[in-house]
Amino acid sequence: MMFYSPTPVETWQTDTFRAMGSQISVWLQAEPHTAFAIFAQVERLFAKNERALSRFLPDSELNYLNG
């Protein structure tokens, strides 16, 4: 029996990076050049949120609020 996949596997792009003490994996169905730009945005978003929400960074917004 053959299964039909409407989306060829070749169109899925992946990116893996470290953020917030975890390994983050992102899967995206897009052309490589488009995925590359979106992956960069996702990594920047995680970095921005980590800077603001980290309890380990003395100058984070969370540490400022916790006083």
Protein backbone atom coordinates (compact mmCIF):
# COMPACT_ATOMS: atom_id res chain seq x y z
CA MET A 1 0.00 0.00 0.00
CA MET A 2 1.37 3.43 -0.93
CA PHE A 3 0.61 6.58 1.00
CA TYR A 4 0.28 9.94 -0.66
CA SER A 5 1.96 12.87 1.06
CA PRO A 6 0.66 16.21 -0.25
CA THR A 7 3.82 17.90 1.02
CA PRO A 8 7.15 16.55 -0.21
CA VAL A 9 9.60 16.01 2.63
CA GLU A 10 12.17 18.10 0.77
CA THR A 11 10.22 21.32 1.46
CA TRP A 12 10.61 21.05 5.25
CA GLN A 13 13.47 23.12 6.64
CA THR A 14 14.79 22.78 10.19
CA ASP A 15 16.86 24.83 12.58
CA THR A 16 18.12 23.94 16.05
CA PHE A 17 19.66 26.31 18.56
CA ARG A 18 20.14 26.75 22.31
CA ALA A 19 18.01 29.23 24.24
CA MET A 20 16.55 29.52 27.73
CA GLY A 21 18.54 26.52 28.91
CA SER A 22 16.98 24.26 26.28
CA GLN A 23 17.54 22.99 22.79
CA ILE A 24 15.00 24.62 20.48
CA SER A 25 14.04 22.96 17.19
CA VAL A 26 11.99 24.77 14.58
CA TRP A 27 10.45 23.08 11.55
CA LEU A 28 9.12 25.15 8.70
CA GLN A 29 7.63 24.28 5.34
CA ALA A 30 9.24 26.83 3.03
CA GLU A 31 11.90 27.40 0.46
CA PRO A 32 15.42 27.42 1.98
CA HIS A 33 16.06 31.15 1.49
CA THR A 34 12.72 32.05 3.09
CA ALA A 35 13.21 29.62 5.96
CA PHE A 36 16.69 31.00 6.66
CA ALA A 37 15.28 34.51 7.18
CA ILE A 38 12.44 33.26 9.37
CA PHE A 39 14.77 31.10 11.47
CA ALA A 40 16.93 34.16 12.11
CA GLN A 41 13.84 36.05 13.33
CA VAL A 42 12.84 33.18 15.61
CA GLU A 43 16.32 33.05 17.17
CA ARG A 44 16.28 36.83 17.71
CA LEU A 45 12.86 36.57 19.36
CA PHE A 46 14.09 33.88 21.76
CA ALA A 47 17.23 35.89 22.56
CA LYS A 48 15.18 39.03 23.25
CA ASN A 49 12.77 37.18 25.54
CA GLU A 50 15.62 35.42 27.31
CA ARG A 51 17.32 38.77 28.02
CA ALA A 52 14.09 40.14 29.46
CA LEU A 53 12.88 37.09 31.38
CA SER A 54 16.03 35.44 32.69
CA ARG A 55 16.45 35.24 36.45
CA PHE A 56 20.14 34.51 35.86
CA LEU A 57 20.97 37.81 34.14
CA PRO A 58 21.34 40.61 36.70
CA ASP A 59 20.15 43.27 34.25
CA SER A 60 17.04 41.42 33.03
CA GLU A 61 13.60 43.00 33.36
CA LEU A 62 12.52 40.09 35.56
CA ASN A 63 15.32 40.74 38.06
CA TYR A 64 14.46 44.44 38.02
CA LEU A 65 10.81 43.64 38.85
CA ASN A 66 11.80 41.16 41.56
CA GLY A 67 14.01 43.89 43.06
